[in-house]
Protein backbone atom coordinates (compact mmCIF):
# COMPACT_ATOMS: atom_id res chain seq x y z
CA MET A 1 77.98 82.31 88.42
CA SER A 2 81.40 81.12 88.13
CA GLU A 3 81.38 81.40 84.27
CA PHE A 4 80.71 85.13 84.52
CA VAL A 5 82.88 87.97 85.77
CA VAL A 6 81.47 90.77 87.73
CA ASP A 7 82.18 94.01 86.20
CA GLY A 8 83.01 96.21 89.25
CA THR A 9 85.03 98.59 87.19
CA ARG A 10 87.26 99.16 90.08
CA MET A 11 90.09 102.02 89.17
CA CYS A 12 93.14 100.17 87.81
CA ARG A 13 95.97 99.88 90.17
CA MET A 14 98.44 102.46 88.90
CA GLY A 15 102.33 102.60 89.32
CA PHE A 16 104.50 105.62 88.97
CA LEU A 17 107.83 105.96 86.69
CA ARG A 18 107.51 102.26 85.62
CA ARG A 19 103.98 102.60 83.94
CA GLY A 20 103.85 106.38 83.66
CA LEU A 21 100.46 106.80 85.42
CA VAL A 22 99.44 107.13 89.15
CA ALA A 23 95.69 108.15 90.25
CA ALA A 24 95.33 111.86 90.56
CA VAL A 25 92.58 114.25 91.97
CA LEU A 26 90.96 117.25 90.54
CA CYS A 27 88.80 119.53 92.72
CA CYS A 28 85.78 119.95 90.62
CA SER A 29 82.98 122.21 91.51
CA SER A 30 79.43 120.90 91.31
CA GLY A 31 77.16 122.44 88.58
CA ALA A 32 74.11 124.48 89.29
CA SER A 33 71.00 122.78 90.54
CA ALA A 34 68.22 121.92 88.40
CA GLN A 35 65.04 123.01 89.57
CA GLY A 36 62.05 120.70 89.17
CA SER A 37 62.03 117.60 87.16
CA VAL A 38 63.67 117.56 83.55
CA ALA A 39 61.33 115.69 81.05
CA ARG A 40 63.87 115.84 78.12
CA THR A 41 67.08 117.81 77.35
CA ALA A 42 68.62 118.50 73.95
CA PRO A 43 72.34 118.77 73.83
CA PRO A 44 73.98 120.55 70.65
CA SER A 45 74.38 117.18 68.75
CA GLY A 46 70.47 117.20 68.52
CA VAL A 47 70.40 113.85 70.35
CA THR A 48 67.55 113.83 73.01
CA PHE A 49 67.80 112.23 76.44
CA GLY A 50 64.36 111.30 77.96
CA ARG A 51 63.13 110.54 81.54
CA ILE A 52 64.96 107.05 81.74
CA ASP A 53 68.18 108.73 81.03
CA GLN A 54 67.53 111.54 83.47
CA ALA A 55 66.91 108.94 86.12
CA THR A 56 70.08 106.94 85.44
CA VAL A 57 72.99 108.23 87.62
CA ARG A 58 76.57 107.47 88.17
CA VAL A 59 77.72 105.79 91.33
CA PHE A 60 81.42 106.49 92.58
CA ALA A 61 83.08 104.68 95.24
CA VAL A 62 86.49 105.00 96.83
CA GLN A 63 88.07 102.59 99.31
CA ASN A 64 91.48 102.83 100.94
CA VAL A 65 95.23 103.81 99.60
CA SER A 66 97.46 100.86 99.38
CA GLN A 67 100.98 101.26 98.59
CA GLU A 68 103.25 100.35 95.64
CA ASN A 69 106.98 100.23 95.29
CA VAL A 70 107.94 101.38 91.85
CA ARG A 71 111.57 101.41 90.64
CA GLY A 72 112.67 105.00 89.60
CA ARG A 73 115.76 106.10 87.81
CA TYR A 74 118.27 105.40 90.70
CA ARG A 75 115.88 104.31 93.65
CA THR A 76 112.78 102.58 94.47
CA ARG A 77 109.94 104.97 95.53
CA VAL A 78 106.83 104.24 97.67
CA LEU A 79 103.76 105.51 96.11
CA GLY A 80 100.03 105.86 97.40
CA ILE A 81 97.59 104.13 95.13
CA PRO A 82 93.95 105.10 95.82
CA GLU A 83 91.50 102.30 95.16
CA GLY A 84 88.03 102.95 93.92
CA GLY A 85 85.59 102.56 90.93
CA HIS A 86 82.40 103.42 89.20
CA GLY A 87 79.28 101.92 88.23
CA THR A 88 75.63 103.02 87.46
CA GLY A 89 72.53 103.33 89.45
CA VAL A 90 68.85 104.12 88.87
CA VAL A 91 66.77 106.71 90.86
CA VAL A 92 63.34 104.66 92.02
CA ASP A 93 61.84 107.28 94.48
CA PRO A 94 61.83 111.11 94.25
CA ARG A 95 63.03 111.30 97.84
CA GLY A 96 66.43 110.07 96.74
CA VAL A 97 66.43 106.22 96.83
CA ILE A 98 68.59 104.71 94.21
CA VAL A 99 69.28 101.00 93.24
CA THR A 100 72.61 99.77 92.05
CA ALA A 101 74.78 96.59 91.94
CA LYS A 102 76.37 95.71 95.42
CA HIS A 103 79.73 94.94 93.92
CA VAL A 104 79.80 98.69 92.75
CA ILE A 105 79.69 99.94 96.48
CA GLU A 106 81.36 96.95 98.14
CA GLY A 107 84.05 97.87 100.64
CA ALA A 108 83.67 101.49 99.89
CA ARG A 109 84.71 103.92 102.59
CA GLN A 110 83.00 106.93 100.92
CA LEU A 111 80.24 107.35 98.04
CA ALA A 112 78.92 109.79 95.64
CA VAL A 113 76.18 110.12 92.95
CA ARG A 114 76.52 112.47 89.96
CA LEU A 115 73.61 113.40 88.20
CA PRO A 116 73.50 113.61 84.57
CA GLY A 117 73.26 116.70 82.80
CA SER A 118 73.60 119.07 85.58
CA GLY A 119 76.62 117.21 86.93
CA GLU A 120 75.40 118.03 90.69
CA VAL A 121 77.41 115.62 92.89
CA LEU A 122 75.29 114.26 95.94
CA PRO A 123 76.63 112.42 99.13
CA ALA A 124 75.17 108.96 99.32
CA ARG A 125 74.88 105.99 102.05
CA VAL A 126 73.94 102.53 101.76
CA ALA A 127 70.51 101.65 103.15
CA TYR A 128 70.51 97.91 102.09
CA ALA A 129 72.70 95.33 100.33
CA ASP A 130 71.99 91.87 99.20
CA GLY A 131 75.18 90.09 98.54
CA GLU A 132 73.67 86.78 96.93
CA LEU A 133 71.57 88.68 94.44
CA ASP A 134 74.17 91.51 94.05
CA PHE A 135 72.03 94.68 94.45
CA ALA A 136 72.11 97.50 96.93
CA ILE A 137 69.76 100.39 97.81
CA LEU A 138 71.30 103.78 98.33
CA LEU A 139 69.98 107.15 99.70
CA VAL A 140 71.30 110.55 98.63
CA HIS A 141 70.59 113.74 99.89
CA LEU A 142 68.90 115.93 97.31
CA GLY A 143 69.11 119.30 98.94
CA ASP A 144 67.29 121.69 96.01
CA GLU A 145 67.41 118.94 93.43
CA THR A 146 64.20 117.36 92.07
CA LEU A 147 64.41 113.95 90.64
CA GLU A 148 61.98 112.09 88.58
CA PRO A 149 62.16 108.38 89.25
CA ILE A 150 61.64 105.08 87.28
CA GLU A 151 59.17 103.48 89.39
CA LEU A 152 59.50 99.96 90.78
CA PRO A 153 56.49 98.25 89.45
CA ALA A 154 54.26 96.75 92.28
CA GLN A 155 53.95 93.63 90.21
CA PRO A 156 56.59 92.36 87.89
CA VAL A 157 56.05 92.92 84.25
CA PRO A 158 55.79 89.53 82.23
CA LEU A 159 58.96 88.73 80.40
CA ALA A 160 59.75 85.98 77.74
CA VAL A 161 62.63 84.65 76.16
CA ARG A 162 63.94 86.37 73.01
CA GLN A 163 61.97 89.54 74.09
CA THR A 164 63.88 92.81 73.18
CA VAL A 165 65.27 94.83 76.19
CA ASP A 166 67.61 97.82 76.72
CA ALA A 167 70.17 98.46 79.25
CA VAL A 168 71.18 102.09 80.25
CA GLY A 169 74.39 103.07 82.03
CA TYR A 170 77.90 104.68 82.01
CA PRO A 171 80.38 102.19 80.52
CA PHE A 172 84.06 102.78 80.45
CA ASP A 173 84.37 106.60 80.75
CA PRO A 174 83.39 107.98 84.12
CA GLU A 175 83.35 111.57 82.66
CA ARG A 176 80.52 111.11 80.33
CA GLU A 177 77.56 113.68 80.96
CA GLN A 178 74.88 111.39 79.73
CA PRO A 179 74.46 107.59 79.94
CA GLN A 180 74.59 105.28 76.72
CA SER A 181 72.10 102.62 75.88
CA ALA A 182 72.61 98.93 74.61
CA ARG A 183 70.02 96.74 73.24
CA GLY A 184 69.64 93.11 73.20
CA ILE A 185 67.41 90.17 74.20
CA ILE A 186 66.58 88.04 77.22
CA SER A 187 68.21 84.70 76.26
CA GLY A 188 67.32 82.61 79.29
CA VAL A 189 67.23 82.18 82.94
CA LEU A 190 69.80 80.96 85.10
CA PRO A 191 69.28 78.41 88.04
CA ASP A 192 69.59 80.97 90.59
CA GLY A 193 66.96 83.22 88.92
CA HIS A 194 69.10 85.82 87.32
CA LEU A 195 68.07 86.90 83.86
CA GLN A 196 70.71 86.24 81.03
CA LEU A 197 70.94 88.55 78.46
CA ASP A 198 72.24 88.33 74.86
CA MET A 199 73.72 91.83 74.95
CA SER A 200 77.24 93.53 74.97
CA LEU A 201 77.91 95.31 78.21
CA ASN A 202 81.01 96.79 79.42
CA PRO A 203 82.59 97.85 82.77
CA GLY A 204 80.57 100.63 84.13
CA ASN A 205 77.16 99.18 83.13
CA SER A 206 76.83 97.57 86.48
CA GLY A 207 73.85 98.85 88.50
CA GLY A 208 72.15 100.19 85.48
CA PRO A 209 68.31 99.65 84.60
CA LEU A 210 67.14 96.97 82.38
CA LEU A 211 63.93 98.12 80.40
CA ASP A 212 61.45 96.68 78.21
CA GLN A 213 60.09 98.20 75.12
CA SER A 214 57.50 100.31 77.05
CA GLU A 215 60.40 101.48 79.26
CA ASN A 216 59.13 99.43 82.21
CA LEU A 217 61.84 98.70 84.85
CA VAL A 218 62.26 95.08 84.53
CA GLY A 219 65.66 94.40 86.14
CA ILE A 220 69.15 95.67 87.24
CA VAL A 221 72.20 94.90 85.31
CA VAL A 222 74.60 93.14 87.56
CA ALA A 223 77.35 91.23 85.40
CA ARG A 224 78.83 90.80 81.97
CA GLY A 225 80.47 87.89 80.31
CA ASP A 226 84.30 87.36 80.58
CA PRO A 227 85.69 87.88 77.16
CA GLU A 228 89.05 86.10 78.35
CA ARG A 229 86.93 82.99 78.80
CA GLY A 230 85.21 82.96 75.71
CA ALA A 231 81.85 84.60 77.22
CA GLN A 232 81.25 87.56 74.81
CA GLY A 233 77.96 89.37 74.47
CA ILE A 234 76.45 88.00 77.62
CA GLY A 235 74.86 89.93 80.42
CA ILE A 236 73.33 89.28 83.84
CA ALA A 237 70.59 90.98 85.24
CA VAL A 238 68.51 90.75 88.60
CA PRO A 239 64.82 90.39 88.07
CA ILE A 240 62.90 93.40 89.48
CA ALA A 241 60.89 91.35 91.86
CA PRO A 242 63.36 90.94 94.66
CA VAL A 243 64.63 94.47 94.01
CA ARG A 244 60.99 95.72 94.76
CA ALA A 245 60.62 93.57 97.90
CA ALA A 246 63.67 94.87 99.34
CA TYR A 247 62.56 98.23 98.52
CA ASP A 248 59.39 97.66 100.54
CA HIS A 249 61.30 96.19 103.41
CA VAL A 250 63.65 99.13 103.94
CA ARG A 251 60.60 101.64 103.87
CA ARG A 252 58.53 99.56 106.47
CA SER A 253 61.53 99.00 108.66
CA GLY A 254 62.72 102.38 109.10
CA LEU A 255 66.06 101.70 107.33
CA LEU A 256 65.43 104.49 105.23
CA SER A 257 64.68 107.12 107.97
CA ARG A 258 67.92 105.98 109.99
CA THR A 259 70.01 106.31 106.80
CA TYR A 260 68.56 109.65 106.08
CA ARG A 261 69.38 110.82 109.77
CA GLU A 262 73.04 109.78 109.37
CA LEU A 263 73.34 111.51 106.02
CA HIS A 264 72.01 114.69 107.55
CA GLY A 265 73.85 114.83 110.50
CA SER A 266 77.07 115.54 108.92
CA LEU A 267 75.78 117.29 105.60
CA GLU A 268 78.54 119.79 104.97
CA ALA A 269 81.29 117.25 105.53
CA SER A 270 79.37 114.70 103.36
CA ARG A 271 79.01 117.17 100.60
CA GLN A 272 82.92 117.88 100.79
CA THR A 273 83.65 114.23 100.83
CA ALA A 274 81.32 113.69 97.79
CA GLU A 275 82.96 116.09 95.55
CA ALA A 276 86.42 114.60 96.68
CA VAL A 277 84.99 111.02 95.69
CA ASP A 278 83.57 112.33 92.29
CA ALA A 279 86.93 113.94 91.55
CA ILE A 280 89.10 111.07 92.39
CA VAL A 281 87.27 108.73 90.25
CA ARG A 282 86.48 110.74 87.40
CA PHE A 283 89.84 112.39 86.99
CA GLY A 284 91.98 109.53 87.61
CA GLY A 285 94.27 109.79 84.59
CA GLY A 286 97.03 111.56 85.88
CA ASP A 287 96.41 115.45 85.17
CA VAL A 288 97.76 116.68 88.40
CA LEU A 289 100.89 114.58 87.94
CA ARG A 290 101.31 115.70 84.44
CA GLU A 291 100.90 119.33 85.96
CA ALA A 292 103.65 118.61 88.24
CA ALA A 293 106.13 117.07 85.96
CA ASP A 294 105.58 120.09 83.46
CA PHE A 295 106.16 122.51 86.45
CA VAL A 296 109.83 121.23 86.94
CA ASP A 297 110.56 122.35 83.29
CA ASN A 298 108.28 125.34 83.07
CA PRO A 299 107.18 126.68 86.27
CA GLU A 300 104.06 128.56 85.43
CA ALA A 301 100.59 127.56 86.46
CA SER A 302 99.73 124.98 88.96
CA GLU A 303 95.78 125.31 88.74
CA ARG A 304 95.06 121.82 89.72
CA ILE A 305 97.41 121.45 92.32
CA ASP A 306 96.19 124.81 93.77
CA GLN A 307 92.69 123.42 93.77
CA LEU A 308 93.71 120.28 95.53
CA ARG A 309 95.58 122.36 98.31
CA ALA A 310 92.21 124.29 98.83
CA MET A 311 90.37 120.98 99.14
CA ALA A 312 92.86 119.67 101.64
CA ASP A 313 92.36 122.71 103.85
CA ARG A 314 88.59 121.94 104.02
CA ALA A 315 88.69 118.14 104.32
CA ARG A 316 88.18 116.63 107.77
CA ASP A 317 87.22 112.99 106.91
CA PRO A 318 90.32 110.67 107.65
CA ASP A 319 89.74 108.60 104.53
CA VAL A 320 89.62 111.77 102.34
CA LEU A 321 92.79 113.13 104.09
CA ALA A 322 94.42 109.71 103.21
CA LEU A 323 93.57 110.08 99.68
CA LEU A 324 94.91 113.49 99.17
CA ALA A 325 98.03 112.80 100.98
CA ALA A 326 98.47 110.17 98.15
CA TYR A 327 97.90 112.67 95.55
CA PHE A 328 100.38 115.27 97.04
CA TRP A 329 103.00 112.62 97.72
CA ASP A 330 102.93 110.97 94.14
CA ALA A 331 103.15 114.43 92.61
CA ALA A 332 106.09 115.40 94.76
CA GLN A 333 107.64 111.96 93.71
CA VAL A 334 106.84 112.76 90.00
CA MET A 335 108.80 116.04 90.51
CA VAL A 336 111.86 114.91 92.13
CA GLU A 337 112.28 111.99 89.66
CA ARG A 338 111.89 114.62 86.69
CA ALA A 339 114.54 116.82 88.22
CA GLY A 340 117.07 113.94 87.66
CA GLY A 341 116.02 111.32 90.07
CA VAL A 342 117.21 112.94 93.45
CA ALA A 343 116.07 111.42 96.56
CA THR A 344 114.11 114.58 98.07
CA PRO A 345 113.12 118.04 96.96
CA ALA A 346 116.01 119.51 99.22
CA GLN A 347 118.28 117.96 96.35
CA MET A 348 116.48 119.72 93.50
CA PRO A 349 118.04 123.05 92.27
CA PRO A 350 116.79 126.20 93.98
CA GLY A 351 113.67 127.71 92.40
CA PRO A 352 110.06 127.44 92.19
CA ALA A 353 109.70 123.79 91.34
CA GLN A 354 111.74 122.94 94.35
CA GLN A 355 109.71 125.11 96.49
CA LEU A 356 106.30 123.45 95.16
CA ALA A 357 107.81 119.94 95.47
CA ASP A 358 108.84 120.47 99.03
CA ASP A 359 105.36 122.10 99.68
CA LEU A 360 103.62 119.07 98.33
CA TRP A 361 105.91 116.65 100.15
CA ARG A 362 105.32 118.33 103.56
CA ARG A 363 101.45 118.67 103.02
CA ALA A 364 101.48 114.91 102.32
CA LEU A 365 103.18 114.29 105.46
CA ALA A 366 100.87 116.67 107.45
CA LEU A 367 97.71 115.21 105.89
CA ALA A 368 98.69 111.54 106.79
CA THR A 369 99.44 112.72 110.24
CA ARG A 370 95.90 114.41 110.43
CA ALA A 371 94.13 111.34 109.15
CA ARG A 372 95.97 109.17 111.70
CA ASP A 373 95.22 111.51 114.67
CA ALA A 374 91.44 111.74 113.46
CA ASP A 375 91.12 107.77 113.11
CA PRO A 376 94.15 105.64 114.24
CA THR A 377 92.35 102.72 112.45
CA VAL A 378 93.23 104.37 109.05
CA LEU A 379 96.66 102.97 109.63
CA GLN A 380 95.44 99.50 109.28
CA ARG A 381 92.81 100.26 106.28
CA SER A 382 95.34 102.21 104.38
CA PRO A 383 99.04 100.88 104.51
CA PHE A 384 100.31 104.17 102.89
CA VAL A 385 99.30 106.21 105.57
CA GLY A 386 101.23 103.81 107.92
CA TYR A 387 104.36 104.40 105.66
CA LEU A 388 104.01 108.20 106.06
CA ALA A 389 102.90 108.83 109.40
CA GLY A 390 102.78 105.38 111.40
CA PRO A 391 104.99 104.67 114.12
CA GLY A 392 108.58 103.79 113.36
CA ASN A 393 108.35 104.88 109.75
CA THR A 394 111.65 105.20 107.98
CA ARG A 395 110.41 107.33 105.04
CA PRO A 396 113.03 109.88 103.99
CA ALA A 397 112.24 113.54 105.32
CA ALA A 398 111.53 116.36 103.09
CA THR A 399 114.97 118.08 103.95
CA ALA A 400 116.97 115.04 103.65
CA SER A 401 120.25 115.37 101.72
CA SER A 402 123.30 113.33 101.43
CA THR A 403 125.24 116.33 101.49
CA THR A 404 124.00 117.78 104.92
CA GLY A 405 123.94 114.69 106.78
CA GLY A 406 120.08 114.46 106.84
CA TRP A 407 119.86 111.21 104.64
CA ARG A 408 118.09 108.39 106.31
CA PRO A 409 118.09 104.80 104.69
CA PRO A 410 115.02 103.57 103.01
CA PRO A 411 112.94 100.86 104.57
CA GLU A 412 113.62 97.39 103.47
CA SER A 413 110.79 97.25 101.34
CA GLU A 414 112.03 100.29 99.34
CA ARG A 415 115.58 99.19 98.88
CA PRO A 416 116.65 98.35 95.13
CA PRO A 417 118.20 95.27 94.55
CA ASN A 418 121.70 96.81 94.63
CA TRP A 419 121.47 98.21 98.12
CA ARG A 420 124.76 97.98 100.06
CA GLY A 421 123.85 99.79 103.20
CA GLY A 422 125.47 103.09 104.35
CA SER A 423 124.99 106.53 102.98
CA GLU A 424 123.26 107.50 99.86
CA SER A 425 126.62 108.49 98.37
CA GLU A 426 128.22 105.17 99.34
CA ASN A 427 125.47 103.42 97.53
CA GLN A 428 125.93 105.16 94.13
CA LYS A 429 128.49 102.87 93.21
CA TRP A 430 129.39 101.16 89.88
CA PHE A 431 128.93 97.40 89.68
CA PRO A 432 131.15 94.78 87.92
CA TRP A 433 131.98 95.95 84.37
CA LEU A 434 131.68 93.09 81.81
CA SER A 435 132.70 93.45 78.43
CA ALA A 436 133.19 91.25 75.16
CA GLY A 437 133.93 91.96 71.73
CA ILE A 438 135.53 91.07 68.49
CA ALA A 439 139.36 91.26 68.67
CA PHE A 440 141.61 92.13 65.56
CA PHE A 441 145.58 91.36 66.05
CA GLY A 442 148.57 93.19 64.37
CA ALA A 443 152.25 93.83 64.94
CA GLY A 444 154.47 96.46 64.57
CA GLY A 445 156.35 97.07 61.25
CA SER A 446 154.65 95.72 58.18
CA SER A 447 152.72 92.60 59.19
CA SER A 448 152.12 89.98 56.33
CA THR A 449 149.35 88.35 58.18
CA TRP A 450 146.34 89.62 60.62
CA GLY A 451 144.59 87.79 63.35
CA PHE A 452 141.32 88.02 64.87
CA GLY A 453 139.44 86.46 67.81
CA GLY A 454 137.45 87.63 70.82
CA SER A 455 138.15 89.69 73.93
CA LEU A 456 136.57 89.39 77.38
CA SER A 457 137.16 91.71 80.45
CA VAL A 458 135.65 91.77 84.02
CA LEU A 459 136.38 95.20 86.05
CA LEU A 460 135.55 95.88 89.44
CA PRO A 461 135.22 99.55 90.47
CA LEU A 462 137.30 100.79 93.71
CA GLY A 463 135.91 103.50 96.08
CA SER A 464 133.40 106.32 94.98
CA GLY A 465 133.17 109.73 93.85
CA GLY A 466 131.06 112.09 91.76
CA THR A 467 127.37 112.04 90.98
CA ARG A 468 124.93 109.75 89.20
CA THR A 469 124.14 112.54 86.89
CA GLY A 470 127.40 114.26 86.25
CA PHE A 471 131.19 113.44 86.05
CA ARG A 472 132.50 110.38 87.84
CA ILE A 473 135.75 108.75 88.20
CA ARG A 474 136.53 105.14 89.53
CA PRO A 475 139.68 103.31 89.89
CA LEU A 476 139.43 99.75 88.27
CA LEU A 477 140.97 96.43 89.03
CA GLY A 478 139.92 93.16 87.19
CA ILE A 479 141.16 90.62 84.64
CA GLN A 480 140.87 90.38 80.79
CA GLY A 481 141.92 88.21 77.95
CA ASP A 482 142.28 87.98 74.17
CA PHE A 483 142.06 84.94 72.04
CA GLY A 484 142.05 84.15 68.33
CA ALA A 485 144.20 82.83 65.58
CA TRP A 486 147.07 84.35 63.87
CA THR A 487 148.80 82.56 60.95
CA SER A 488 148.54 78.75 61.89
CA ASP A 489 148.70 79.23 65.62
CA ALA A 490 146.58 80.23 68.24
CA ALA A 491 147.03 83.59 70.08
CA TYR A 492 146.07 84.34 73.18
CA PHE A 493 146.45 86.93 76.28
CA VAL A 494 145.65 86.49 79.93
CA GLY A 495 146.30 89.23 82.39
CA GLY A 496 145.28 91.66 85.14
CA ALA A 497 143.93 95.07 84.64
CA LEU A 498 144.52 98.20 86.89
CA GLY A 499 143.49 101.70 85.82
CA LEU A 500 140.85 104.69 85.93
CA ALA A 501 137.45 104.82 84.37
CA LEU A 502 135.74 108.03 83.79
CA ARG A 503 131.98 108.69 83.00
CA PHE A 504 130.04 111.63 81.72
CA GLY A 505 126.35 112.10 81.80
CA GLY A 506 123.32 110.13 83.51
CA ARG A 507 121.74 107.04 82.14
CA VAL A 508 122.95 108.12 78.67
CA GLY A 509 126.52 109.39 78.57
CA MET A 510 130.03 108.47 77.53
CA HIS A 511 132.82 106.30 79.32
CA PHE A 512 136.62 106.36 78.92
CA LYS A 513 139.30 103.89 80.38
CA ALA A 514 142.91 103.66 80.65
CA LEU A 515 144.44 100.40 81.87
CA TRP A 516 147.91 99.03 82.61
CA THR A 517 147.43 95.17 81.53
CA PRO A 518 150.27 92.99 82.67
CA GLY A 519 149.93 89.40 81.83
CA TYR A 520 151.00 86.24 79.94
CA HIS A 521 150.66 85.94 76.18
CA GLN A 522 151.37 83.52 73.15
CA SER A 523 151.37 84.73 69.65
CA SER A 524 153.19 83.98 66.21
CA TYR A 525 153.64 86.43 63.51
CA CYS A 526 155.69 87.39 60.64
CA VAL A 527 157.14 90.57 59.59
CA ASP A 528 158.91 92.38 56.61
CA ASP A 529 161.36 94.83 58.03
CA SER A 530 162.65 97.99 56.19
CA TYR A 531 165.51 95.74 54.55
CA ASP A 532 163.17 93.58 52.83
CA ASP A 533 163.84 91.07 55.25
CA TYR A 534 161.04 88.66 56.04
CA TYR A 535 161.00 86.54 59.23
CA CYS A 536 158.60 84.95 61.51
CA VAL A 537 158.53 85.11 65.19
CA ARG A 538 156.85 83.11 67.87
CA ALA A 539 156.48 84.84 71.24
CA GLU A 540 155.53 83.49 74.59
CA GLY A 541 155.90 84.57 78.10
CA ALA A 542 155.11 87.35 80.45
CA THR A 543 154.85 91.01 79.55
CA TRP A 544 154.86 93.93 81.78
CA THR A 545 154.51 96.55 79.03
CA SER A 546 150.99 96.42 78.16
CA PHE A 547 148.32 99.22 78.10
CA GLN A 548 144.74 99.46 77.10
CA PHE A 549 142.49 102.57 76.27
CA GLY A 550 138.91 102.43 75.55
CA VAL A 551 135.92 104.79 74.75
CA GLY A 552 132.26 104.25 74.45
CA ALA A 553 128.62 105.18 75.01
CA ARG A 554 126.44 104.34 77.90
CA PHE A 555 122.75 103.58 77.85
CA GLY A 556 121.64 102.92 81.37
CA THR A 557 123.76 99.80 82.26
CA PHE A 558 124.41 98.95 78.69
CA HIS A 559 127.63 100.36 76.90
CA LEU A 560 128.87 100.14 73.35
CA GLY A 561 132.43 101.09 72.51
CA THR A 562 136.05 100.17 71.26
CA ALA A 563 139.30 99.24 73.02
CA PHE A 564 142.96 99.54 71.78
CA ARG A 565 145.65 97.64 73.73
CA PHE A 566 149.37 97.58 72.72
CA PHE A 567 152.18 95.42 74.32
CA GLU A 568 155.63 94.29 73.75
CA PRO A 569 155.98 90.44 73.79
CA ALA A 570 158.95 89.22 75.90
CA ASP A 571 162.34 89.27 74.08
CA SER A 572 160.66 90.14 70.89
CA GLY A 573 161.42 93.97 70.53
CA THR A 574 158.27 94.47 68.48
CA PHE A 575 155.08 96.04 69.66
CA GLN A 576 151.84 94.07 68.82
CA TRP A 577 148.24 95.63 69.27
CA VAL A 578 144.91 94.43 69.61
CA ILE A 579 141.86 96.51 68.52
CA THR A 580 138.42 95.38 70.13
CA PHE A 581 135.40 96.41 68.13
CA PRO A 582 132.69 96.54 68.80
CA GLU A 583 132.96 96.14 72.45
CA LEU A 584 129.69 95.35 74.30
CA GLY A 585 129.24 95.26 78.02
CA TRP A 586 126.84 95.38 80.91
CA THR A 587 127.07 96.99 84.41
CA PHE A 588 124.95 95.80 87.16
């Protein structure tokens, strides 16, 4: 089916600092168990949901934890990116048998099923998967729950082209408490036997039931058209006959019994894992990260973070430990970035925010170590765990500080493009300062003519000092030149530059420069002196009496300002001046 895209609805990969979102975990408690089957429910809106809706469940899956390098304010940070997604399933057996699409659970390390209405979260295992037709059979542990299924028909219900059908599922938003329905028609049959639907489906619908007008189960939704390739309003479903055949097979072969024993053998751990999976997928929008960022400015409540810490204390599964390590680590990265872009919590100002960031940082390292010790293969499945707890890792320690000697160089993959080696303070250097602007010429006395042209300069910083977020001073060495026209002749100046530059602020701030600029010049100018004597002078040669001063604003690596240079041409006895405005520049 190359013309269609499968809507696996995996969680989007998220960066931090550059895109503003990283997946976050909320520990949510499961709702109260519903006793007996629920025929119909009536929410406050007055819209009723029937037995079909009560048998349509959400399927959540999480995989591994990848890592992503994201450029922060002053350094590249390594983030943990949990991978997962959600889809729909349908209960077909009151003992907890659920049918969904295979791609929804493909590659999943852990699964959870959330029931509509009550919000009960159940651990799940895969009993059977058909990769060719793209459907899977799951088994959940019901506990005290009683599910009313949609029966798999023993004989397929006859279907016809242009027949009206409904798809039920959970498109887009995984936090919805009740499923939504979409209506369309059967538009044809594909060569491989799949049903082609004229119906608008969205990510999250995969695995949901397809029903006829009598609410008979006639198929399982597995794909939608790819809008980017012009296939809009098209859906794909597996007909129910092969699903029924697979269900009969797993019952007769004992696969369901074996899966049930596996599920029941570690029931308490499975329930905790299911709650974590449910939280990871449903609340992946950054609530914990926003709470961590807000805590830096207003250290009050940390409710969600406290819930995560309680979950981490109970967790035993290595994959869940890896996921929680990623969330703690990313939250700590948010806090140190919010606190001025420092490298570690040790460099944050003392106080509650520094203590929380340090705790999150240390917990992330401890959880990654526990995951590695529980199952060393997690290092291969989740590269991020290897970054935190793998052999020979080079991540900075929580107590690292450039002022205490504890700083360690970042790994090669984490180093920003301007990395020069050495200590952190040695890497906080300015880079070549390039400036250009419009130059206006004038001379001492009463000049009868003015000139204008352009100005260019290249200044290199010498040494280091100060911090990126406060006052800094640098010696500068470089070259600069002015060129333009004055009266009928060209005017130019080419020379060196030696002096000091001062900077205040962080990415937004002010800069000042004072330079000695000896060089070679040529200019022509006319002067009215105090005795009403008018004369013109042509000056050319070296000058040692030349100075420039500048001031401006900085916005990251871009600066905008003005500069004033005055000099005495050789053998002229009259000072000339050059004003450059606006002076635009860039530092790398």
